[in-house]
Every structure is written in structure tokens, then in C-alpha cells.
Amino acid sequence: MLLIGITPVPKKAATGLEQPVTEPTRRNPTQQRSRERQERILAVATQLIATKGSDQVKMSEIAECSEISIGSLYQYFPDKSSVIRTLAERYNAASRRCIEEALVTVQDAQGLADAYSDLLDQYYEIVQAEPAMRDIWSGMQADKQLLALELEESRVAGGLLADAMLRVFPGSDAQRVADSAFLIWQLGEATMRLAISCAPEEGRRLFEAFKRMSLAEIMEAANLKTCDSSTDLSGPIPR
């Protein structure tokens, strides 16, 4: 899940003559001017995506609004997918830091429930407020490589959740917990997309329903023992 906001467009730095670059892949800026230009390109792309949607944004528009030539743009990003991928990677990295910070100190069931609920609440608020994030999602759905990136990020986030679940319920079956955590995170992405596509009242109900269902599954980890047990150790779901 993505838990980061939008970066404003920085002012364009003064530039000299453009130097031709022969590499076909994305350029890795090493000088301050190049880094500033890349940041501006990404900020412009983010605002265009928020305004028009990722499908409607053209590379020529990104170049024009960034006040650079299309050739200069291609030195940094060979196509629109590479722009979307870079934005997604940055959002994912920031999201991962938020998840780690929220879950790393969890030691009991109440703390786990509170941390997970807070993460969901933050995420839902952000996706409602950030249209660019929603459209970056859309851009990722049409590209197999970007879909693979999203899937891998769900695995990473699911792993962080599974680690917290196993700290709270140390006798649980690690593989079953990992599978549940991965599903929770991936289905959470789908739920967010569905919720923001519906009317606000219905979207909120769907979001709250997913929160209840996923919290119940997280607390069920107490019963996912490596050996059979007829004793229910989960207790009531903390609220």
C-alpha cells in the first residue's frame, strides 16, 4: 500500500547545452543539475497524472511542462512506463518505512490491532486525497512489469505484517501466517480501489467491512498452530 503524498513541482534550475546520451535505459543522475531536473520531471508528471489520469498523459506534455526538450526527457525516462515505475518505487519505499515504523514495536494483540487499524485509516485518507496515487495504480494495471512490482511490494508489506503477527502469536504456523498476511495486503489494495470508486458512504462501509474481516483474520493467527489444538487462543478481537 502506498502511504505518501505528492511532491510540489520545484523551480527549474538554470541549464546549459544538452549533452547527447547514447544509453537506451533510464539515466542515473550523478550531478546536482541532473538530479534537480529529474526531480522536476517527476513532480510535473505527478501533477499531470493527478489532473488528467495516467492514460491521457503524453511524454511530450511532460517535456513541455518541465521546460525541456523531448530528447532531454528521454535521456532520463525512455517511456511513460519508466516514469510511472519510478513514482511507484518512490511511493512504495516511503510506504514501507511507514509500515515498518508502525509494526516494529508491536508486542501484543492490542498493539497489533491498533497499529494495523491506524495504517489502514491513514492509507484510506491518503488515497481519497491524492488523485495521482489512484491514477498511478491505473497505469500499473496495464503493464505486466509494473504489476509484478506491485505484487512484490505486497509480498514485502505482507512479510512485515507476518513478522508482527508471529511476535504476538509465536506458536503459530509461520507459512500459514505468511500466506494470510500476503492475502490481507493484496486484497487491501483491491478494496481501496473499489472503495474510492463507489459513492463516499458506500466506500466507507466497504472499507470498514474489510478492516473488520482482515482484523479477524490477523487475530486468528493465534489458532494457526503448527500442531492441532482444540483450544481457541485468539479471544475477542481487540477494539
C-alpha atoms as a PDB file:
ATOM      1  CA  MET A   1       0.000   0.000   0.000  1.00  0.00           C
ATOM      2  CA  LEU A   2       1.159   3.477  -0.725  1.00  0.00           C
ATOM      3  CA  LEU A   3       1.378   5.919   2.196  1.00  0.00           C
ATOM      4  CA  ILE A   4       2.993   9.062   0.823  1.00  0.00           C
ATOM      5  CA  GLY A   5       1.744  12.361  -0.543  1.00  0.00           C
ATOM      6  CA  ILE A   6       2.552  14.467  -3.579  1.00  0.00           C
ATOM      7  CA  THR A   7       5.767  16.462  -4.004  1.00  0.00           C
ATOM      8  CA  PRO A   8       5.328  20.019  -5.372  1.00  0.00           C
ATOM      9  CA  VAL A   9       6.988  20.968  -8.644  1.00  0.00           C
ATOM     10  CA  PRO A  10      10.361  22.598  -7.911  1.00  0.00           C
ATOM     11  CA  LYS A  11      11.549  25.622  -9.800  1.00  0.00           C
ATOM     12  CA  LYS A  12      13.514  24.833 -12.928  1.00  0.00           C
ATOM     13  CA  ALA A  13      17.272  25.121 -12.469  1.00  0.00           C
ATOM     14  CA  ALA A  14      19.362  27.030 -14.989  1.00  0.00           C
ATOM     15  CA  THR A  15      20.808  24.717 -17.627  1.00  0.00           C
ATOM     16  CA  GLY A  16      23.379  24.852 -20.374  1.00  0.00           C
ATOM     17  CA  LEU A  17      23.589  22.965 -23.634  1.00  0.00           C
ATOM     18  CA  GLU A  18      22.173  19.447 -23.603  1.00  0.00           C
ATOM     19  CA  GLN A  19      24.730  16.647 -23.924  1.00  0.00           C
ATOM     20  CA  PRO A  20      23.656  13.632 -26.011  1.00  0.00           C
ATOM     21  CA  VAL A  21      23.391  10.348 -24.138  1.00  0.00           C
ATOM     22  CA  THR A  22      23.518   7.073 -26.002  1.00  0.00           C
ATOM     23  CA  GLU A  23      22.327   4.683 -23.274  1.00  0.00           C
ATOM     24  CA  PRO A  24      18.851   3.270 -24.063  1.00  0.00           C
ATOM     25  CA  THR A  25      17.936   2.781 -20.412  1.00  0.00           C
ATOM     26  CA  ARG A  26      16.953   5.353 -17.812  1.00  0.00           C
ATOM     27  CA  ARG A  27      19.732   7.770 -16.936  1.00  0.00           C
ATOM     28  CA  ASN A  28      21.047   7.789 -13.383  1.00  0.00           C
ATOM     29  CA  PRO A  29      21.758  11.424 -12.468  1.00  0.00           C
ATOM     30  CA  THR A  30      25.132  11.957 -10.822  1.00  0.00           C
ATOM     31  CA  GLN A  31      25.380  15.743 -10.869  1.00  0.00           C
ATOM     32  CA  GLN A  32      23.278  18.185  -8.887  1.00  0.00           C
ATOM     33  CA  ARG A  33      21.778  19.742 -12.005  1.00  0.00           C
ATOM     34  CA  SER A  34      20.759  16.352 -13.347  1.00  0.00           C
ATOM     35  CA  ARG A  35      19.181  15.357 -10.040  1.00  0.00           C
ATOM     36  CA  GLU A  36      17.224  18.596  -9.886  1.00  0.00           C
ATOM     37  CA  ARG A  37      15.987  18.087 -13.429  1.00  0.00           C
ATOM     38  CA  GLN A  38      14.883  14.537 -12.703  1.00  0.00           C
ATOM     39  CA  GLU A  39      13.004  15.694  -9.607  1.00  0.00           C
ATOM     40  CA  ARG A  40      11.247  18.354 -11.641  1.00  0.00           C
ATOM     41  CA  ILE A  41      10.258  15.838 -14.314  1.00  0.00           C
ATOM     42  CA  LEU A  42       8.765  13.521 -11.703  1.00  0.00           C
ATOM     43  CA  ALA A  43       6.921  16.347  -9.934  1.00  0.00           C
ATOM     44  CA  VAL A  44       5.470  17.561 -13.236  1.00  0.00           C
ATOM     45  CA  ALA A  45       4.457  14.021 -14.181  1.00  0.00           C
ATOM     46  CA  THR A  46       2.739  13.578 -10.825  1.00  0.00           C
ATOM     47  CA  GLN A  47       0.681  16.734 -11.266  1.00  0.00           C
ATOM     48  CA  LEU A  48      -0.260  15.850 -14.839  1.00  0.00           C
ATOM     49  CA  ILE A  49      -1.320  12.366 -13.767  1.00  0.00           C
ATOM     50  CA  ALA A  50      -3.416  13.852 -10.955  1.00  0.00           C
ATOM     51  CA  THR A  51      -5.110  16.233 -13.398  1.00  0.00           C
ATOM     52  CA  LYS A  52      -5.609  14.069 -16.481  1.00  0.00           C
ATOM     53  CA  GLY A  53      -5.097  10.465 -15.440  1.00  0.00           C
ATOM     54  CA  SER A  54      -2.093   8.353 -16.366  1.00  0.00           C
ATOM     55  CA  ASP A  55      -3.635   7.062 -19.605  1.00  0.00           C
ATOM     56  CA  GLN A  56      -4.042  10.568 -21.021  1.00  0.00           C
ATOM     57  CA  VAL A  57      -0.610  11.942 -20.141  1.00  0.00           C
ATOM     58  CA  LYS A  58       1.882  12.063 -23.014  1.00  0.00           C
ATOM     59  CA  MET A  59       5.649  12.256 -22.812  1.00  0.00           C
ATOM     60  CA  SER A  60       5.548  15.415 -24.931  1.00  0.00           C
ATOM     61  CA  GLU A  61       3.367  17.084 -22.273  1.00  0.00           C
ATOM     62  CA  ILE A  62       5.763  16.098 -19.514  1.00  0.00           C
ATOM     63  CA  ALA A  63       8.654  17.569 -21.503  1.00  0.00           C
ATOM     64  CA  GLU A  64       6.785  20.788 -22.281  1.00  0.00           C
ATOM     65  CA  CYS A  65       5.658  21.371 -18.695  1.00  0.00           C
ATOM     66  CA  SER A  66       9.148  20.550 -17.441  1.00  0.00           C
ATOM     67  CA  GLU A  67      10.533  23.128 -19.892  1.00  0.00           C
ATOM     68  CA  ILE A  68      12.931  20.673 -21.515  1.00  0.00           C
ATOM     69  CA  SER A  69      13.154  19.083 -24.946  1.00  0.00           C
ATOM     70  CA  ILE A  70      11.642  15.668 -25.589  1.00  0.00           C
ATOM     71  CA  GLY A  71      15.158  14.408 -26.274  1.00  0.00           C
ATOM     72  CA  SER A  72      16.290  15.531 -22.834  1.00  0.00           C
ATOM     73  CA  LEU A  73      13.300  13.794 -21.264  1.00  0.00           C
ATOM     74  CA  TYR A  74      14.175  10.532 -22.999  1.00  0.00           C
ATOM     75  CA  GLN A  75      17.668  10.723 -21.510  1.00  0.00           C
ATOM     76  CA  TYR A  76      16.072  10.297 -18.090  1.00  0.00           C
ATOM     77  CA  PHE A  77      12.990   8.235 -18.918  1.00  0.00           C
ATOM     78  CA  PRO A  78      12.757   6.244 -22.180  1.00  0.00           C
ATOM     79  CA  ASP A  79       8.963   5.887 -21.960  1.00  0.00           C
ATOM     80  CA  LYS A  80       5.943   6.655 -19.789  1.00  0.00           C
ATOM     81  CA  SER A  81       6.100   3.282 -18.055  1.00  0.00           C
ATOM     82  CA  SER A  82       9.530   4.174 -16.689  1.00  0.00           C
ATOM     83  CA  VAL A  83       8.095   7.408 -15.254  1.00  0.00           C
ATOM     84  CA  ILE A  84       5.231   5.557 -13.577  1.00  0.00           C
ATOM     85  CA  ARG A  85       7.598   2.878 -12.315  1.00  0.00           C
ATOM     86  CA  THR A  86       9.889   5.454 -10.701  1.00  0.00           C
ATOM     87  CA  LEU A  87       6.952   7.180  -8.997  1.00  0.00           C
ATOM     88  CA  ALA A  88       5.599   3.833  -7.798  1.00  0.00           C
ATOM     89  CA  GLU A  89       9.007   2.786  -6.473  1.00  0.00           C
ATOM     90  CA  ARG A  90       9.284   6.011  -4.504  1.00  0.00           C
ATOM     91  CA  TYR A  91       5.789   5.688  -3.087  1.00  0.00           C
ATOM     92  CA  ASN A  92       6.496   2.063  -2.193  1.00  0.00           C
ATOM     93  CA  ALA A  93       9.735   2.911  -0.401  1.00  0.00           C
ATOM     94  CA  ALA A  94       8.027   5.583   1.690  1.00  0.00           C
ATOM     95  CA  SER A  95       5.097   3.260   2.343  1.00  0.00           C
ATOM     96  CA  ARG A  96       7.425   0.523   3.534  1.00  0.00           C
ATOM     97  CA  ARG A  97       9.069   2.895   6.006  1.00  0.00           C
ATOM     98  CA  CYS A  98       5.655   3.821   7.431  1.00  0.00           C
ATOM     99  CA  ILE A  99       4.676   0.167   7.781  1.00  0.00           C
ATOM    100  CA  GLU A 100       7.969  -0.748   9.434  1.00  0.00           C
ATOM    101  CA  GLU A 101       7.699   2.118  11.905  1.00  0.00           C
ATOM    102  CA  ALA A 102       4.112   1.197  12.776  1.00  0.00           C
ATOM    103  CA  LEU A 103       4.696  -2.537  13.244  1.00  0.00           C
ATOM    104  CA  VAL A 104       8.259  -2.838  14.544  1.00  0.00           C
ATOM    105  CA  THR A 105       7.339  -2.150  18.171  1.00  0.00           C
ATOM    106  CA  VAL A 106       4.207  -4.342  18.242  1.00  0.00           C
ATOM    107  CA  GLN A 107       4.427  -6.900  21.058  1.00  0.00           C
ATOM    108  CA  ASP A 108       0.826  -7.789  21.960  1.00  0.00           C
ATOM    109  CA  ALA A 109      -2.555  -8.357  20.327  1.00  0.00           C
ATOM    110  CA  GLN A 110      -3.963  -4.950  21.208  1.00  0.00           C
ATOM    111  CA  GLY A 111      -0.884  -3.192  19.867  1.00  0.00           C
ATOM    112  CA  LEU A 112      -1.070  -5.220  16.651  1.00  0.00           C
ATOM    113  CA  ALA A 113      -4.747  -4.413  16.140  1.00  0.00           C
ATOM    114  CA  ASP A 114      -4.187  -0.713  16.840  1.00  0.00           C
ATOM    115  CA  ALA A 115      -1.149  -0.422  14.559  1.00  0.00           C
ATOM    116  CA  TYR A 116      -2.843  -2.248  11.689  1.00  0.00           C
ATOM    117  CA  SER A 117      -6.058  -0.222  12.034  1.00  0.00           C
ATOM    118  CA  ASP A 118      -4.104   3.042  12.088  1.00  0.00           C
ATOM    119  CA  LEU A 119      -2.225   2.058   8.910  1.00  0.00           C
ATOM    120  CA  LEU A 120      -5.483   1.282   7.110  1.00  0.00           C
ATOM    121  CA  ASP A 121      -7.044   4.562   8.247  1.00  0.00           C
ATOM    122  CA  GLN A 122      -4.023   6.556   7.058  1.00  0.00           C
ATOM    123  CA  TYR A 123      -3.999   4.801   3.718  1.00  0.00           C
ATOM    124  CA  TYR A 124      -7.698   5.331   3.089  1.00  0.00           C
ATOM    125  CA  GLU A 125      -7.402   9.034   3.880  1.00  0.00           C
ATOM    126  CA  ILE A 126      -4.418   9.434   1.556  1.00  0.00           C
ATOM    127  CA  VAL A 127      -5.934   7.651  -1.445  1.00  0.00           C
ATOM    128  CA  GLN A 128      -9.047   9.784  -1.101  1.00  0.00           C
ATOM    129  CA  ALA A 129      -6.961  12.960  -1.064  1.00  0.00           C
ATOM    130  CA  GLU A 130      -4.341  12.048  -3.694  1.00  0.00           C
ATOM    131  CA  PRO A 131      -5.777  11.524  -7.196  1.00  0.00           C
ATOM    132  CA  ALA A 132      -2.303  10.941  -8.636  1.00  0.00           C
ATOM    133  CA  MET A 133      -1.880   7.858  -6.481  1.00  0.00           C
ATOM    134  CA  ARG A 134      -5.083   6.366  -7.859  1.00  0.00           C
ATOM    135  CA  ASP A 135      -4.027   7.026 -11.426  1.00  0.00           C
ATOM    136  CA  ILE A 136      -0.575   5.592 -10.878  1.00  0.00           C
ATOM    137  CA  TRP A 137      -2.413   2.431  -9.853  1.00  0.00           C
ATOM    138  CA  SER A 138      -4.309   2.537 -13.145  1.00  0.00           C
ATOM    139  CA  GLY A 139      -1.102   2.955 -15.091  1.00  0.00           C
ATOM    140  CA  MET A 140       0.380  -0.074 -13.348  1.00  0.00           C
ATOM    141  CA  GLN A 141      -2.538  -2.343 -14.198  1.00  0.00           C
ATOM    142  CA  ALA A 142      -1.845  -2.153 -17.933  1.00  0.00           C
ATOM    143  CA  ASP A 143       1.837  -3.098 -17.672  1.00  0.00           C
ATOM    144  CA  LYS A 144       2.944  -6.605 -16.674  1.00  0.00           C
ATOM    145  CA  GLN A 145       6.268  -5.416 -15.305  1.00  0.00           C
ATOM    146  CA  LEU A 146       4.568  -2.780 -13.174  1.00  0.00           C
ATOM    147  CA  LEU A 147       2.037  -5.340 -11.958  1.00  0.00           C
ATOM    148  CA  ALA A 148       4.942  -7.536 -10.901  1.00  0.00           C
ATOM    149  CA  LEU A 149       6.352  -4.572  -8.969  1.00  0.00           C
ATOM    150  CA  GLU A 150       3.044  -4.116  -7.153  1.00  0.00           C
ATOM    151  CA  LEU A 151       2.858  -7.823  -6.351  1.00  0.00           C
ATOM    152  CA  GLU A 152       6.375  -7.840  -4.950  1.00  0.00           C
ATOM    153  CA  GLU A 153       5.585  -4.827  -2.775  1.00  0.00           C
ATOM    154  CA  SER A 154       2.547  -6.641  -1.370  1.00  0.00           C
ATOM    155  CA  ARG A 155       4.839  -9.550  -0.501  1.00  0.00           C
ATOM    156  CA  VAL A 156       7.229  -7.223   1.317  1.00  0.00           C
ATOM    157  CA  ALA A 157       4.426  -5.478   3.223  1.00  0.00           C
ATOM    158  CA  GLY A 158       2.788  -8.822   3.961  1.00  0.00           C
ATOM    159  CA  GLY A 159       6.101 -10.051   5.335  1.00  0.00           C
ATOM    160  CA  LEU A 160       6.275  -7.109   7.727  1.00  0.00           C
ATOM    161  CA  LEU A 161       2.744  -7.858   8.916  1.00  0.00           C
ATOM    162  CA  ALA A 162       3.530 -11.568   9.265  1.00  0.00           C
ATOM    163  CA  ASP A 163       6.603 -10.778  11.384  1.00  0.00           C
ATOM    164  CA  ALA A 164       4.453  -8.724  13.752  1.00  0.00           C
ATOM    165  CA  MET A 165       1.802 -11.468  13.909  1.00  0.00           C
ATOM    166  CA  LEU A 166       4.432 -14.083  14.769  1.00  0.00           C
ATOM    167  CA  ARG A 167       5.856 -11.895  17.545  1.00  0.00           C
ATOM    168  CA  VAL A 168       2.402 -11.643  19.076  1.00  0.00           C
ATOM    169  CA  PHE A 169       1.498 -15.297  18.420  1.00  0.00           C
ATOM    170  CA  PRO A 170       4.886 -17.078  18.450  1.00  0.00           C
ATOM    171  CA  GLY A 171       3.442 -20.593  18.328  1.00  0.00           C
ATOM    172  CA  SER A 172       1.623 -20.026  15.047  1.00  0.00           C
ATOM    173  CA  ASP A 173       2.412 -21.811  11.792  1.00  0.00           C
ATOM    174  CA  ALA A 174       4.779 -19.386  10.033  1.00  0.00           C
ATOM    175  CA  GLN A 175       3.783 -20.372   6.499  1.00  0.00           C
ATOM    176  CA  ARG A 176       0.056 -20.071   7.148  1.00  0.00           C
ATOM    177  CA  VAL A 177       0.585 -16.706   8.815  1.00  0.00           C
ATOM    178  CA  ALA A 178       2.708 -15.510   5.880  1.00  0.00           C
ATOM    179  CA  ASP A 179       0.044 -16.596   3.393  1.00  0.00           C
ATOM    180  CA  SER A 180      -2.693 -14.822   5.350  1.00  0.00           C
ATOM    181  CA  ALA A 181      -0.650 -11.625   5.687  1.00  0.00           C
ATOM    182  CA  PHE A 182       0.162 -11.572   1.965  1.00  0.00           C
ATOM    183  CA  LEU A 183      -3.504 -12.047   1.060  1.00  0.00           C
ATOM    184  CA  ILE A 184      -4.586  -9.360   3.511  1.00  0.00           C
ATOM    185  CA  TRP A 185      -2.242  -6.828   1.959  1.00  0.00           C
ATOM    186  CA  GLN A 186      -3.026  -7.671  -1.645  1.00  0.00           C
ATOM    187  CA  LEU A 187      -6.781  -7.713  -1.023  1.00  0.00           C
ATOM    188  CA  GLY A 188      -6.415  -4.445   0.842  1.00  0.00           C
ATOM    189  CA  GLU A 189      -5.156  -2.817  -2.366  1.00  0.00           C
ATOM    190  CA  ALA A 190      -8.169  -4.130  -4.266  1.00  0.00           C
ATOM    191  CA  THR A 191     -10.533  -2.975  -1.529  1.00  0.00           C
ATOM    192  CA  MET A 192      -9.128   0.547  -1.583  1.00  0.00           C
ATOM    193  CA  ARG A 193      -9.606   0.762  -5.359  1.00  0.00           C
ATOM    194  CA  LEU A 194     -13.176  -0.467  -5.011  1.00  0.00           C
ATOM    195  CA  ALA A 195     -13.985   1.859  -2.113  1.00  0.00           C
ATOM    196  CA  ILE A 196     -12.803   5.027  -3.847  1.00  0.00           C
ATOM    197  CA  SER A 197     -14.711   4.027  -6.991  1.00  0.00           C
ATOM    198  CA  CYS A 198     -18.007   3.965  -5.086  1.00  0.00           C
ATOM    199  CA  ALA A 199     -20.073   6.739  -3.545  1.00  0.00           C
ATOM    200  CA  PRO A 200     -18.440   8.058  -0.345  1.00  0.00           C
ATOM    201  CA  GLU A 201     -20.930   6.425   2.026  1.00  0.00           C
ATOM    202  CA  GLU A 202     -20.714   3.031   0.355  1.00  0.00           C
ATOM    203  CA  GLY A 203     -16.945   3.313   0.040  1.00  0.00           C
ATOM    204  CA  ARG A 204     -16.621   3.951   3.765  1.00  0.00           C
ATOM    205  CA  ARG A 205     -18.814   0.917   4.549  1.00  0.00           C
ATOM    206  CA  LEU A 206     -16.720  -1.317   2.294  1.00  0.00           C
ATOM    207  CA  PHE A 207     -13.538  -0.031   3.885  1.00  0.00           C
ATOM    208  CA  GLU A 208     -14.834  -0.689   7.400  1.00  0.00           C
ATOM    209  CA  ALA A 209     -16.025  -4.162   6.355  1.00  0.00           C
ATOM    210  CA  PHE A 210     -12.563  -5.021   5.065  1.00  0.00           C
ATOM    211  CA  LYS A 211     -10.997  -3.715   8.259  1.00  0.00           C
ATOM    212  CA  ARG A 212     -13.237  -5.972  10.370  1.00  0.00           C
ATOM    213  CA  MET A 213     -12.621  -9.016   8.167  1.00  0.00           C
ATOM    214  CA  SER A 214      -8.864  -8.558   7.983  1.00  0.00           C
ATOM    215  CA  LEU A 215      -8.539  -7.874  11.715  1.00  0.00           C
ATOM    216  CA  ALA A 216     -10.433 -11.092  12.407  1.00  0.00           C
ATOM    217  CA  GLU A 217      -8.006 -12.979  10.165  1.00  0.00           C
ATOM    218  CA  ILE A 218      -5.000 -11.374  11.860  1.00  0.00           C
ATOM    219  CA  MET A 219      -6.261 -12.363  15.301  1.00  0.00           C
ATOM    220  CA  GLU A 220      -6.985 -15.863  14.002  1.00  0.00           C
ATOM    221  CA  ALA A 221      -3.207 -16.338  13.818  1.00  0.00           C
ATOM    222  CA  ALA A 222      -3.446 -17.409  17.455  1.00  0.00           C
ATOM    223  CA  ASN A 223      -5.187 -20.569  16.218  1.00  0.00           C
ATOM    224  CA  LEU A 224      -2.820 -21.259  13.291  1.00  0.00           C
ATOM    225  CA  LYS A 225      -0.681 -23.642  15.304  1.00  0.00           C
ATOM    226  CA  THR A 226       1.958 -25.934  13.889  1.00  0.00           C
ATOM    227  CA  CYS A 227       0.187 -28.799  15.642  1.00  0.00           C
ATOM    228  CA  ASP A 228      -3.531 -29.483  16.034  1.00  0.00           C
ATOM    229  CA  SER A 229      -5.192 -27.861  19.027  1.00  0.00           C
ATOM    230  CA  SER A 230      -8.822 -27.745  20.010  1.00  0.00           C
ATOM    231  CA  THR A 231      -8.310 -24.742  22.253  1.00  0.00           C
ATOM    232  CA  ASP A 232      -9.290 -21.336  20.895  1.00  0.00           C
ATOM    233  CA  LEU A 233      -6.494 -18.996  21.979  1.00  0.00           C
ATOM    234  CA  SER A 234      -7.488 -15.975  19.995  1.00  0.00           C
ATOM    235  CA  GLY A 235     -10.085 -14.471  22.284  1.00  0.00           C
ATOM    236  CA  PRO A 236     -12.126 -11.449  21.218  1.00  0.00           C
ATOM    237  CA  ILE A 237     -10.771  -9.113  18.586  1.00  0.00           C
ATOM    238  CA  PRO A 238      -9.232  -6.058  20.307  1.00  0.00           C
ATOM    239  CA  ARG A 239     -11.080  -2.862  19.523  1.00  0.00           C
END
